[in-house]
N, C-alpha and C. Protein backbone atom coordinates (compact mmCIF):
# COMPACT_ATOMS: atom_id res chain seq x y z
N UNK A 1 -34.51 -26.86 -8.14
CA UNK A 1 -33.91 -27.30 -7.00
C UNK A 1 -32.91 -26.30 -6.62
N UNK A 2 -33.00 -26.09 -5.34
CA UNK A 2 -31.96 -25.06 -4.74
C UNK A 2 -30.49 -25.72 -4.58
N UNK A 3 -29.52 -24.75 -5.01
CA UNK A 3 -28.11 -25.23 -4.79
C UNK A 3 -27.95 -25.35 -3.34
N UNK A 4 -27.06 -26.58 -3.01
CA UNK A 4 -26.89 -26.67 -1.53
C UNK A 4 -25.45 -26.51 -1.27
N UNK A 5 -24.39 -26.40 -2.32
CA UNK A 5 -23.00 -26.15 -2.18
C UNK A 5 -22.64 -25.04 -2.99
N UNK A 6 -21.60 -24.36 -2.69
CA UNK A 6 -21.04 -23.14 -3.36
C UNK A 6 -19.69 -23.70 -3.82
N UNK A 7 -19.30 -22.97 -5.02
CA UNK A 7 -17.84 -23.17 -5.31
C UNK A 7 -16.94 -22.17 -4.71
N UNK A 8 -15.66 -22.42 -4.74
CA UNK A 8 -14.69 -21.46 -4.28
C UNK A 8 -14.80 -20.25 -4.96
N UNK A 9 -15.14 -20.16 -6.32
CA UNK A 9 -15.19 -18.89 -6.98
C UNK A 9 -16.35 -18.12 -6.53
N UNK A 10 -17.48 -18.84 -6.18
CA UNK A 10 -18.78 -18.12 -5.65
C UNK A 10 -18.40 -17.40 -4.29
N UNK A 11 -17.82 -18.29 -3.37
CA UNK A 11 -17.44 -17.79 -1.99
C UNK A 11 -16.54 -16.53 -2.20
N UNK A 12 -15.56 -16.72 -3.07
CA UNK A 12 -14.58 -15.62 -3.34
C UNK A 12 -15.25 -14.37 -3.63
N UNK A 13 -16.26 -14.46 -4.52
CA UNK A 13 -16.91 -13.34 -4.85
C UNK A 13 -17.80 -12.72 -3.84
N UNK A 14 -18.44 -13.55 -2.99
CA UNK A 14 -19.27 -12.96 -2.01
C UNK A 14 -18.38 -12.30 -0.92
N UNK A 15 -17.11 -12.84 -0.70
CA UNK A 15 -16.26 -12.23 0.26
C UNK A 15 -15.38 -11.21 -0.18
N UNK A 16 -15.38 -10.94 -1.63
CA UNK A 16 -14.69 -9.86 -2.05
C UNK A 16 -13.07 -10.13 -1.98
N UNK A 17 -12.80 -11.56 -2.24
CA UNK A 17 -11.52 -11.95 -2.09
C UNK A 17 -11.00 -12.60 -3.41
N UNK A 18 -9.78 -12.64 -3.59
CA UNK A 18 -9.29 -13.43 -4.83
C UNK A 18 -9.38 -14.87 -4.75
N UNK A 19 -9.43 -15.47 -5.86
CA UNK A 19 -9.72 -16.84 -5.78
C UNK A 19 -8.48 -17.73 -5.11
N UNK A 20 -7.18 -17.31 -5.34
CA UNK A 20 -6.25 -17.99 -4.61
C UNK A 20 -6.23 -17.79 -3.17
N UNK A 21 -6.69 -16.69 -2.77
CA UNK A 21 -6.61 -16.41 -1.25
C UNK A 21 -7.75 -17.17 -0.64
N UNK A 22 -8.75 -17.42 -1.51
CA UNK A 22 -10.01 -18.14 -0.98
C UNK A 22 -9.69 -19.74 -0.73
N UNK A 23 -9.05 -20.15 -1.87
CA UNK A 23 -8.43 -21.52 -1.80
C UNK A 23 -7.47 -21.92 -0.72
N UNK A 24 -6.60 -20.80 -0.38
CA UNK A 24 -5.59 -20.95 0.75
C UNK A 24 -6.51 -21.05 1.95
N UNK A 25 -7.43 -20.09 2.27
CA UNK A 25 -8.33 -20.16 3.39
C UNK A 25 -9.05 -21.47 3.58
N UNK A 26 -9.40 -22.07 2.48
CA UNK A 26 -10.17 -23.34 2.66
C UNK A 26 -9.12 -24.50 3.09
N UNK A 27 -7.83 -24.38 2.56
CA UNK A 27 -6.73 -25.29 2.93
C UNK A 27 -6.35 -25.27 4.35
N UNK A 28 -6.53 -23.94 4.91
CA UNK A 28 -6.18 -23.76 6.25
C UNK A 28 -7.23 -24.00 7.29
N UNK A 29 -8.36 -24.28 6.66
CA UNK A 29 -9.59 -24.59 7.48
C UNK A 29 -10.20 -23.30 7.98
N UNK A 30 -10.02 -22.23 7.37
CA UNK A 30 -10.59 -20.95 7.87
C UNK A 30 -11.99 -20.77 7.29
N UNK A 31 -12.38 -21.48 6.24
CA UNK A 31 -13.60 -21.38 5.62
C UNK A 31 -14.12 -22.90 5.54
N UNK A 32 -15.33 -23.03 6.11
CA UNK A 32 -15.82 -24.49 6.31
C UNK A 32 -16.01 -25.07 4.85
N UNK A 33 -15.25 -26.03 4.52
CA UNK A 33 -15.17 -26.53 3.19
C UNK A 33 -14.79 -28.02 3.26
N UNK A 34 -15.10 -28.84 2.28
CA UNK A 34 -14.77 -30.20 2.01
C UNK A 34 -14.01 -30.38 0.66
N UNK A 35 -12.89 -31.18 0.64
CA UNK A 35 -12.29 -31.34 -0.61
C UNK A 35 -12.55 -32.80 -1.03
N UNK A 36 -12.96 -32.73 -2.41
CA UNK A 36 -13.19 -34.08 -3.07
C UNK A 36 -12.26 -34.23 -4.22
N UNK A 37 -11.11 -34.84 -3.89
CA UNK A 37 -10.02 -35.00 -4.96
C UNK A 37 -9.41 -33.64 -5.07
N UNK A 38 -9.53 -33.06 -6.23
CA UNK A 38 -9.02 -31.82 -6.43
C UNK A 38 -10.02 -30.59 -6.27
N UNK A 39 -11.37 -31.00 -6.13
CA UNK A 39 -12.34 -30.03 -5.95
C UNK A 39 -12.67 -29.71 -4.56
N UNK A 40 -12.79 -28.47 -4.32
CA UNK A 40 -13.23 -27.96 -3.08
C UNK A 40 -14.76 -27.46 -3.16
N UNK A 41 -15.61 -27.83 -2.19
CA UNK A 41 -16.98 -27.38 -2.13
C UNK A 41 -17.24 -26.83 -0.78
N UNK A 42 -18.12 -25.82 -0.65
CA UNK A 42 -18.57 -25.17 0.51
C UNK A 42 -20.03 -25.55 0.66
N UNK A 43 -20.53 -26.05 1.81
CA UNK A 43 -21.85 -26.05 2.16
C UNK A 43 -22.48 -24.70 2.27
N UNK A 44 -23.43 -24.47 1.64
CA UNK A 44 -24.19 -23.06 1.60
C UNK A 44 -24.67 -22.83 3.01
N UNK A 45 -25.31 -23.74 3.65
CA UNK A 45 -25.81 -23.47 5.09
C UNK A 45 -24.76 -23.49 5.93
N UNK A 46 -23.62 -24.14 5.93
CA UNK A 46 -22.45 -24.04 6.82
C UNK A 46 -21.76 -22.74 6.67
N UNK A 47 -21.62 -22.30 5.28
CA UNK A 47 -21.04 -20.92 5.05
C UNK A 47 -21.83 -19.79 5.61
N UNK A 48 -23.18 -19.80 5.36
CA UNK A 48 -23.92 -18.86 6.00
C UNK A 48 -23.96 -18.70 7.37
N UNK A 49 -24.02 -19.80 8.09
CA UNK A 49 -23.79 -19.96 9.63
C UNK A 49 -22.47 -19.27 10.07
N UNK A 50 -21.35 -19.73 9.31
CA UNK A 50 -20.03 -19.18 9.64
C UNK A 50 -19.89 -17.75 9.61
N UNK A 51 -20.65 -17.14 8.50
CA UNK A 51 -20.71 -15.73 8.23
C UNK A 51 -21.49 -15.03 9.52
N UNK A 52 -22.48 -15.57 9.92
CA UNK A 52 -23.23 -14.99 10.94
C UNK A 52 -22.48 -15.09 12.29
N UNK A 53 -21.53 -16.07 12.49
CA UNK A 53 -20.73 -16.21 13.67
C UNK A 53 -19.44 -15.35 13.55
N UNK A 54 -19.15 -14.59 12.45
CA UNK A 54 -18.03 -13.70 12.53
C UNK A 54 -18.14 -12.60 13.53
N UNK A 55 -17.16 -12.22 14.15
CA UNK A 55 -17.34 -11.04 15.04
C UNK A 55 -17.89 -9.89 14.42
N UNK A 56 -18.94 -9.23 15.21
CA UNK A 56 -19.60 -7.92 14.85
C UNK A 56 -18.77 -6.84 14.31
N UNK A 57 -17.55 -6.73 14.85
CA UNK A 57 -16.68 -5.52 14.64
C UNK A 57 -15.91 -5.81 13.25
N UNK A 58 -16.03 -6.87 12.56
CA UNK A 58 -15.49 -7.15 11.28
C UNK A 58 -16.46 -7.58 10.29
N UNK A 59 -16.47 -6.94 9.19
CA UNK A 59 -17.39 -7.36 8.15
C UNK A 59 -17.08 -8.87 7.60
N UNK A 60 -15.71 -9.04 7.52
CA UNK A 60 -15.35 -10.39 7.11
C UNK A 60 -14.11 -10.91 7.96
N UNK A 61 -13.97 -12.11 8.13
CA UNK A 61 -12.85 -12.48 8.93
C UNK A 61 -11.50 -12.40 8.23
N UNK A 62 -10.43 -12.27 8.96
CA UNK A 62 -8.95 -12.03 8.38
C UNK A 62 -8.68 -13.46 7.74
N UNK A 63 -8.81 -13.58 6.56
CA UNK A 63 -8.32 -14.81 5.83
C UNK A 63 -7.03 -14.69 5.02
N UNK A 64 -6.23 -13.70 5.37
CA UNK A 64 -4.88 -13.52 4.75
C UNK A 64 -3.99 -14.40 5.30
N UNK A 65 -4.02 -14.97 6.48
CA UNK A 65 -3.12 -15.97 7.09
C UNK A 65 -1.93 -15.35 7.61
N UNK A 66 -2.15 -13.88 7.75
CA UNK A 66 -1.06 -13.09 8.27
C UNK A 66 -1.16 -13.26 9.74
N UNK A 67 0.03 -13.20 10.40
CA UNK A 67 0.04 -13.17 11.87
C UNK A 67 -0.30 -11.81 12.40
N UNK A 68 -0.36 -11.56 13.71
CA UNK A 68 -0.89 -10.36 14.27
C UNK A 68 0.24 -9.32 13.99
N UNK A 69 1.56 -9.68 14.14
CA UNK A 69 2.62 -8.80 13.78
C UNK A 69 2.59 -8.29 12.37
N UNK A 70 2.39 -9.16 11.48
CA UNK A 70 2.38 -8.69 10.12
C UNK A 70 1.29 -7.84 9.74
N UNK A 71 -0.05 -8.07 10.22
CA UNK A 71 -1.11 -7.34 10.18
C UNK A 71 -0.87 -5.79 10.80
N UNK A 72 -0.38 -5.79 11.91
CA UNK A 72 0.09 -4.47 12.49
C UNK A 72 1.03 -3.67 11.66
N UNK A 73 2.01 -4.33 11.14
CA UNK A 73 3.08 -3.66 10.38
C UNK A 73 2.44 -3.20 8.98
N UNK A 74 1.52 -3.91 8.48
CA UNK A 74 0.71 -3.52 7.16
C UNK A 74 -0.09 -2.39 7.45
N UNK A 75 -0.78 -2.34 8.61
CA UNK A 75 -1.53 -1.21 8.91
C UNK A 75 -0.84 -0.11 9.32
N UNK A 76 0.28 -0.18 9.63
CA UNK A 76 1.11 1.19 9.98
C UNK A 76 1.69 1.70 8.70
N UNK A 77 1.71 0.88 7.57
CA UNK A 77 2.31 1.59 6.34
C UNK A 77 1.07 2.22 5.68
């Protein structure tokens, strides 16, 4: 039987992010996810659709939670 949901750890690995950053993105609603008590799950189909809808100019969406000003300052460094 095919797995229909992903864990935060699996999503973090696919996106090349740390697990804490991925949890924070789930909490902010940046990654399509559902919370059951203390556990977060991500629908595999919703995650794949979300990845396809990301802008073409970016391999992955900005999940840092940084504002535009902060991002600009970090790029300048």
